[in-house]
PDB file of all heavy atoms in Angstrom:
ATOM      1  N   ALA A   1     -43.983 -60.993 -17.684  1.00  0.00           N
ATOM      2  CA  ALA A   1     -44.917 -60.484 -18.690  1.00  0.00           C
ATOM      3  C   ALA A   1     -45.999 -61.498 -19.031  1.00  0.00           C
ATOM      4  O   ALA A   1     -47.169 -61.139 -19.224  1.00  0.00           O
ATOM      5  CB  ALA A   1     -44.153 -60.079 -19.948  1.00  0.00           C
ATOM      6  N   ASP A   2     -45.636 -62.773 -19.112  1.00  0.00           N
ATOM      7  CA  ASP A   2     -46.628 -63.801 -19.444  1.00  0.00           C
ATOM      8  C   ASP A   2     -47.686 -63.920 -18.355  1.00  0.00           C
ATOM      9  O   ASP A   2     -48.881 -64.075 -18.649  1.00  0.00           O
ATOM     10  CB  ASP A   2     -45.935 -65.148 -19.647  1.00  0.00           C
ATOM     11  CG  ASP A   2     -45.079 -65.190 -20.907  1.00  0.00           C
ATOM     12  OD1 ASP A   2     -45.339 -64.389 -21.820  1.00  0.00           O
ATOM     13  OD2 ASP A   2     -44.153 -66.017 -20.966  1.00  0.00           O
ATOM     14  N   ALA A   3     -47.257 -63.866 -17.091  1.00  0.00           N
ATOM     15  CA  ALA A   3     -48.205 -63.964 -15.984  1.00  0.00           C
ATOM     16  C   ALA A   3     -49.136 -62.753 -15.945  1.00  0.00           C
ATOM     17  O   ALA A   3     -50.333 -62.885 -15.666  1.00  0.00           O
ATOM     18  CB  ALA A   3     -47.459 -64.104 -14.659  1.00  0.00           C
ATOM     19  N   VAL A   4     -48.596 -61.580 -16.231  1.00  0.00           N
ATOM     20  CA  VAL A   4     -49.419 -60.361 -16.255  1.00  0.00           C
ATOM     21  C   VAL A   4     -50.478 -60.474 -17.344  1.00  0.00           C
ATOM     22  O   VAL A   4     -51.660 -60.172 -17.127  1.00  0.00           O
ATOM     23  CB  VAL A   4     -48.540 -59.117 -16.454  1.00  0.00           C
ATOM     24  CG1 VAL A   4     -49.409 -57.879 -16.671  1.00  0.00           C
ATOM     25  CG2 VAL A   4     -47.641 -58.906 -15.240  1.00  0.00           C
ATOM     26  N   ARG A   5     -50.065 -60.921 -18.527  1.00  0.00           N
ATOM     27  CA  ARG A   5     -51.018 -61.073 -19.635  1.00  0.00           C
ATOM     28  C   ARG A   5     -52.073 -62.131 -19.313  1.00  0.00           C
ATOM     29  O   ARG A   5     -53.261 -61.946 -19.606  1.00  0.00           O
ATOM     30  CB  ARG A   5     -50.283 -61.441 -20.920  1.00  0.00           C
ATOM     31  CG  ARG A   5     -49.543 -60.291 -21.582  1.00  0.00           C
ATOM     32  CD  ARG A   5     -48.895 -60.746 -22.882  1.00  0.00           C
ATOM     33  NE  ARG A   5     -49.881 -61.271 -23.801  1.00  0.00           N
ATOM     34  CZ  ARG A   5     -50.607 -60.536 -24.635  1.00  0.00           C
ATOM     35  NH1 ARG A   5     -50.447 -59.219 -24.656  1.00  0.00           N
ATOM     36  NH2 ARG A   5     -51.486 -61.094 -25.458  1.00  0.00           N
ATOM     37  N   GLU A   6     -51.646 -63.239 -18.703  1.00  0.00           N
ATOM     38  CA  GLU A   6     -52.596 -64.290 -18.357  1.00  0.00           C
ATOM     39  C   GLU A   6     -53.632 -63.789 -17.355  1.00  0.00           C
ATOM     40  O   GLU A   6     -54.819 -64.143 -17.433  1.00  0.00           O
ATOM     41  CB  GLU A   6     -51.852 -65.496 -17.782  1.00  0.00           C
ATOM     42  CG  GLU A   6     -52.743 -66.688 -17.481  1.00  0.00           C
ATOM     43  CD  GLU A   6     -51.976 -67.882 -16.945  1.00  0.00           C
ATOM     44  OE1 GLU A   6     -50.748 -67.958 -17.169  1.00  0.00           O
ATOM     45  OE2 GLU A   6     -52.605 -68.730 -16.275  1.00  0.00           O
ATOM     46  N   THR A   7     -53.197 -62.967 -16.411  1.00  0.00           N
ATOM     47  CA  THR A   7     -54.122 -62.390 -15.436  1.00  0.00           C
ATOM     48  C   THR A   7     -55.193 -61.555 -16.121  1.00  0.00           C
ATOM     49  O   THR A   7     -56.351 -61.530 -15.696  1.00  0.00           O
ATOM     50  CB  THR A   7     -53.349 -61.518 -14.426  1.00  0.00           C
ATOM     51  OG1 THR A   7     -52.341 -62.297 -13.797  1.00  0.00           O
ATOM     52  CG2 THR A   7     -54.271 -60.939 -13.366  1.00  0.00           C
ATOM     53  N   LEU A   8     -54.822 -60.895 -17.204  1.00  0.00           N
ATOM     54  CA  LEU A   8     -55.721 -59.979 -17.906  1.00  0.00           C
ATOM     55  C   LEU A   8     -56.593 -60.641 -18.963  1.00  0.00           C
ATOM     56  O   LEU A   8     -57.591 -60.055 -19.400  1.00  0.00           O
ATOM     57  CB  LEU A   8     -54.905 -58.865 -18.566  1.00  0.00           C
ATOM     58  CG  LEU A   8     -54.272 -57.853 -17.599  1.00  0.00           C
ATOM     59  CD1 LEU A   8     -53.051 -57.208 -18.224  1.00  0.00           C
ATOM     60  CD2 LEU A   8     -55.297 -56.788 -17.220  1.00  0.00           C
ATOM     61  N   GLU A   9     -56.225 -61.835 -19.400  1.00  0.00           N
ATOM     62  CA  GLU A   9     -56.959 -62.490 -20.474  1.00  0.00           C
ATOM     63  C   GLU A   9     -58.436 -62.665 -20.108  1.00  0.00           C
ATOM     64  O   GLU A   9     -58.778 -63.163 -19.047  1.00  0.00           O
ATOM     65  CB  GLU A   9     -56.351 -63.860 -20.771  1.00  0.00           C
ATOM     66  CG  GLU A   9     -55.004 -63.817 -21.483  1.00  0.00           C
ATOM     67  CD  GLU A   9     -55.087 -63.320 -22.919  1.00  0.00           C
ATOM     68  OE1 GLU A   9     -56.224 -63.272 -23.461  1.00  0.00           O
ATOM     69  OE2 GLU A   9     -54.036 -62.993 -23.494  1.00  0.00           O
ATOM     70  N   GLY A  10     -59.297 -62.211 -21.020  1.00  0.00           N
ATOM     71  CA  GLY A  10     -60.731 -62.368 -20.831  1.00  0.00           C
ATOM     72  C   GLY A  10     -61.361 -61.395 -19.870  1.00  0.00           C
ATOM     73  O   GLY A  10     -62.560 -61.496 -19.585  1.00  0.00           O
ATOM     74  N   CYS A  11     -60.578 -60.451 -19.360  1.00  0.00           N
ATOM     75  CA  CYS A  11     -61.117 -59.489 -18.382  1.00  0.00           C
ATOM     76  C   CYS A  11     -61.738 -58.280 -19.064  1.00  0.00           C
ATOM     77  O   CYS A  11     -61.334 -57.864 -20.160  1.00  0.00           O
ATOM     78  CB  CYS A  11     -60.020 -59.042 -17.422  1.00  0.00           C
ATOM     79  SG  CYS A  11     -59.528 -60.318 -16.244  1.00  0.00           S
ATOM     80  N   ASP A  12     -62.716 -57.713 -18.386  1.00  0.00           N
ATOM     81  CA  ASP A  12     -63.394 -56.509 -18.879  1.00  0.00           C
ATOM     82  C   ASP A  12     -62.767 -55.239 -18.323  1.00  0.00           C
ATOM     83  O   ASP A  12     -62.955 -54.154 -18.888  1.00  0.00           O
ATOM     84  CB  ASP A  12     -64.867 -56.550 -18.466  1.00  0.00           C
ATOM     85  CG  ASP A  12     -65.549 -57.831 -18.899  1.00  0.00           C
ATOM     86  OD1 ASP A  12     -65.768 -57.996 -20.111  1.00  0.00           O
ATOM     87  OD2 ASP A  12     -65.840 -58.680 -18.032  1.00  0.00           O
ATOM     88  N   ALA A  13     -62.062 -55.359 -17.206  1.00  0.00           N
ATOM     89  CA  ALA A  13     -61.469 -54.187 -16.555  1.00  0.00           C
ATOM     90  C   ALA A  13     -60.256 -54.632 -15.751  1.00  0.00           C
ATOM     91  O   ALA A  13     -60.076 -55.820 -15.471  1.00  0.00           O
ATOM     92  CB  ALA A  13     -62.491 -53.511 -15.634  1.00  0.00           C
ATOM     93  N   ALA A  14     -59.423 -53.661 -15.393  1.00  0.00           N
ATOM     94  CA  ALA A  14     -58.242 -53.936 -14.575  1.00  0.00           C
ATOM     95  C   ALA A  14     -58.139 -52.886 -13.481  1.00  0.00           C
ATOM     96  O   ALA A  14     -58.457 -51.710 -13.693  1.00  0.00           O
ATOM     97  CB  ALA A  14     -56.976 -53.924 -15.427  1.00  0.00           C
ATOM     98  N   ILE A  15     -57.703 -53.326 -12.294  1.00  0.00           N
ATOM     99  CA  ILE A  15     -57.475 -52.425 -11.165  1.00  0.00           C
ATOM    100  C   ILE A  15     -56.021 -52.583 -10.729  1.00  0.00           C
ATOM    101  O   ILE A  15     -55.560 -53.699 -10.475  1.00  0.00           O
ATOM    102  CB  ILE A  15     -58.398 -52.749  -9.979  1.00  0.00           C
ATOM    103  CG1 ILE A  15     -59.863 -52.582 -10.378  1.00  0.00           C
ATOM    104  CG2 ILE A  15     -58.071 -51.852  -8.786  1.00  0.00           C
ATOM    105  CD1 ILE A  15     -60.852 -52.993  -9.283  1.00  0.00           C
ATOM    106  N   TYR A  16     -55.317 -51.466 -10.643  1.00  0.00           N
ATOM    107  CA  TYR A  16     -53.939 -51.491 -10.149  1.00  0.00           C
ATOM    108  C   TYR A  16     -53.908 -50.788  -8.799  1.00  0.00           C
ATOM    109  O   TYR A  16     -54.113 -49.581  -8.706  1.00  0.00           O
ATOM    110  CB  TYR A  16     -52.982 -50.797 -11.120  1.00  0.00           C
ATOM    111  CG  TYR A  16     -51.525 -51.049 -10.790  1.00  0.00           C
ATOM    112  CD1 TYR A  16     -50.863 -52.161 -11.287  1.00  0.00           C
ATOM    113  CD2 TYR A  16     -50.811 -50.185  -9.956  1.00  0.00           C
ATOM    114  CE1 TYR A  16     -49.531 -52.412 -10.981  1.00  0.00           C
ATOM    115  CE2 TYR A  16     -49.493 -50.429  -9.640  1.00  0.00           C
ATOM    116  CZ  TYR A  16     -48.851 -51.544 -10.153  1.00  0.00           C
ATOM    117  OH  TYR A  16     -47.525 -51.792  -9.828  1.00  0.00           O
ATOM    118  N   CYS A  17     -53.659 -51.582  -7.734  1.00  0.00           N
ATOM    119  CA  CYS A  17     -53.647 -51.001  -6.380  1.00  0.00           C
ATOM    120  C   CYS A  17     -52.388 -51.417  -5.622  1.00  0.00           C
ATOM    121  O   CYS A  17     -52.429 -51.574  -4.401  1.00  0.00           O
ATOM    122  CB  CYS A  17     -54.903 -51.366  -5.612  1.00  0.00           C
ATOM    123  SG  CYS A  17     -55.123 -53.138  -5.325  1.00  0.00           S
ATOM    124  N   VAL A  18     -51.287 -51.603  -6.361  1.00  0.00           N
ATOM    125  CA  VAL A  18     -50.018 -51.924  -5.724  1.00  0.00           C
ATOM    126  C   VAL A  18     -49.441 -50.654  -5.123  1.00  0.00           C
ATOM    127  O   VAL A  18     -49.398 -49.605  -5.788  1.00  0.00           O
ATOM    128  CB  VAL A  18     -49.032 -52.525  -6.742  1.00  0.00           C
ATOM    129  CG1 VAL A  18     -47.680 -52.807  -6.088  1.00  0.00           C
ATOM    130  CG2 VAL A  18     -49.607 -53.792  -7.350  1.00  0.00           C
ATOM    131  N   GLY A  19     -48.981 -50.723  -3.874  1.00  0.00           N
ATOM    132  CA  GLY A  19     -48.410 -49.533  -3.243  1.00  0.00           C
ATOM    133  C   GLY A  19     -47.490 -49.892  -2.101  1.00  0.00           C
ATOM    134  O   GLY A  19     -47.656 -50.934  -1.459  1.00  0.00           O
ATOM    135  N   LEU A  20     -46.522 -49.032  -1.869  1.00  0.00           N
ATOM    136  CA  LEU A  20     -45.582 -49.192  -0.763  1.00  0.00           C
ATOM    137  C   LEU A  20     -45.730 -48.043   0.210  1.00  0.00           C
ATOM    138  O   LEU A  20     -45.948 -46.900  -0.200  1.00  0.00           O
ATOM    139  CB  LEU A  20     -44.132 -49.200  -1.268  1.00  0.00           C
ATOM    140  CG  LEU A  20     -43.683 -50.302  -2.226  1.00  0.00           C
ATOM    141  CD1 LEU A  20     -42.230 -50.062  -2.598  1.00  0.00           C
ATOM    142  CD2 LEU A  20     -43.852 -51.667  -1.603  1.00  0.00           C
ATOM    143  N   LEU A  21     -45.592 -48.321   1.495  1.00  0.00           N
ATOM    144  CA  LEU A  21     -45.478 -47.265   2.493  1.00  0.00           C
ATOM    145  C   LEU A  21     -44.024 -46.858   2.675  1.00  0.00           C
ATOM    146  O   LEU A  21     -43.721 -45.716   3.034  1.00  0.00           O
ATOM    147  CB  LEU A  21     -46.052 -47.744   3.833  1.00  0.00           C
ATOM    148  CG  LEU A  21     -47.557 -48.035   3.869  1.00  0.00           C
ATOM    149  CD1 LEU A  21     -47.954 -48.597   5.229  1.00  0.00           C
ATOM    150  CD2 LEU A  21     -48.343 -46.782   3.547  1.00  0.00           C
ATOM    151  N   ARG A  22     -43.132 -47.817   2.409  1.00  0.00           N
ATOM    152  CA  ARG A  22     -41.704 -47.574   2.626  1.00  0.00           C
ATOM    153  C   ARG A  22     -40.917 -48.435   1.651  1.00  0.00           C
ATOM    154  O   ARG A  22     -41.310 -49.580   1.374  1.00  0.00           O
ATOM    155  CB  ARG A  22     -41.350 -47.947   4.066  1.00  0.00           C
ATOM    156  CG  ARG A  22     -39.976 -47.516   4.530  1.00  0.00           C
ATOM    157  CD  ARG A  22     -39.907 -47.664   6.042  1.00  0.00           C
ATOM    158  NE  ARG A  22     -38.669 -47.128   6.579  1.00  0.00           N
ATOM    159  CZ  ARG A  22     -38.462 -46.860   7.855  1.00  0.00           C
ATOM    160  NH1 ARG A  22     -39.428 -47.102   8.732  1.00  0.00           N
ATOM    161  NH2 ARG A  22     -37.319 -46.366   8.287  1.00  0.00           N
ATOM    162  N   GLU A  23     -39.852 -47.912   1.106  1.00  0.00           N
ATOM    163  CA  GLU A  23     -39.057 -48.690   0.160  1.00  0.00           C
ATOM    164  C   GLU A  23     -37.778 -49.215   0.806  1.00  0.00           C
ATOM    165  O   GLU A  23     -37.272 -48.650   1.787  1.00  0.00           O
ATOM    166  CB  GLU A  23     -38.720 -47.858  -1.084  1.00  0.00           C
ATOM    167  CG  GLU A  23     -37.931 -46.612  -0.847  1.00  0.00           C
ATOM    168  CD  GLU A  23     -37.649 -45.845  -2.135  1.00  0.00           C
ATOM    169  OE1 GLU A  23     -37.959 -46.345  -3.228  1.00  0.00           O
ATOM    170  OE2 GLU A  23     -37.095 -44.733  -2.041  1.00  0.00           O
ATOM    171  N   PHE A  24     -37.266 -50.305   0.242  1.00  0.00           N
ATOM    172  CA  PHE A  24     -36.030 -50.944   0.695  1.00  0.00           C
ATOM    173  C   PHE A  24     -35.184 -51.244  -0.540  1.00  0.00           C
ATOM    174  O   PHE A  24     -35.214 -52.365  -1.066  1.00  0.00           O
ATOM    175  CB  PHE A  24     -36.340 -52.211   1.482  1.00  0.00           C
ATOM    176  CG  PHE A  24     -37.166 -51.974   2.722  1.00  0.00           C
ATOM    177  CD1 PHE A  24     -38.545 -52.096   2.685  1.00  0.00           C
ATOM    178  CD2 PHE A  24     -36.561 -51.607   3.912  1.00  0.00           C
ATOM    179  CE1 PHE A  24     -39.315 -51.854   3.812  1.00  0.00           C
ATOM    180  CE2 PHE A  24     -37.324 -51.369   5.060  1.00  0.00           C
ATOM    181  CZ  PHE A  24     -38.698 -51.498   5.003  1.00  0.00           C
ATOM    182  N   PRO A  25     -34.468 -50.237  -1.025  1.00  0.00           N
ATOM    183  CA  PRO A  25     -33.740 -50.375  -2.293  1.00  0.00           C
ATOM    184  C   PRO A  25     -32.787 -51.561  -2.340  1.00  0.00           C
ATOM    185  O   PRO A  25     -32.612 -52.174  -3.396  1.00  0.00           O
ATOM    186  CB  PRO A  25     -32.981 -49.045  -2.403  1.00  0.00           C
ATOM    187  CG  PRO A  25     -33.803 -48.086  -1.604  1.00  0.00           C
ATOM    188  CD  PRO A  25     -34.338 -48.891  -0.457  1.00  0.00           C
ATOM    189  N   ARG A  26     -32.157 -51.886  -1.218  1.00  0.00           N
ATOM    190  CA  ARG A  26     -31.210 -53.005  -1.217  1.00  0.00           C
ATOM    191  C   ARG A  26     -31.899 -54.335  -1.524  1.00  0.00           C
ATOM    192  O   ARG A  26     -31.247 -55.286  -1.956  1.00  0.00           O
ATOM    193  CB  ARG A  26     -30.488 -53.083   0.126  1.00  0.00           C
ATOM    194  CG  ARG A  26     -29.561 -51.895   0.395  1.00  0.00           C
ATOM    195  CD  ARG A  26     -28.879 -52.018   1.745  1.00  0.00           C
ATOM    196  NE  ARG A  26     -28.041 -50.861   2.036  1.00  0.00           N
ATOM    197  CZ  ARG A  26     -27.362 -50.702   3.164  1.00  0.00           C
ATOM    198  NH1 ARG A  26     -27.435 -51.633   4.117  1.00  0.00           N
ATOM    199  NH2 ARG A  26     -26.626 -49.621   3.359  1.00  0.00           N
ATOM    200  N   LYS A  27     -33.201 -54.398  -1.276  1.00  0.00           N
ATOM    201  CA  LYS A  27     -33.966 -55.607  -1.578  1.00  0.00           C
ATOM    202  C   LYS A  27     -34.707 -55.482  -2.908  1.00  0.00           C
ATOM    203  O   LYS A  27     -35.480 -56.366  -3.278  1.00  0.00           O
ATOM    204  CB  LYS A  27     -34.980 -55.882  -0.464  1.00  0.00           C
ATOM    205  CG  LYS A  27     -34.361 -56.133   0.905  1.00  0.00           C
ATOM    206  CD  LYS A  27     -35.436 -56.391   1.944  1.00  0.00           C
ATOM    207  CE  LYS A  27     -34.846 -56.636   3.323  1.00  0.00           C
ATOM    208  NZ  LYS A  27     -35.916 -56.865   4.343  1.00  0.00           N
TER     209      LYS A  27
END
């Protein structure tokens, strides 16, 4: 949570483009 907040500090906008083509639940 701290790293996420630090990434956002002072920003005017945010882009979320995290995505998976395939999942590996065991990992």
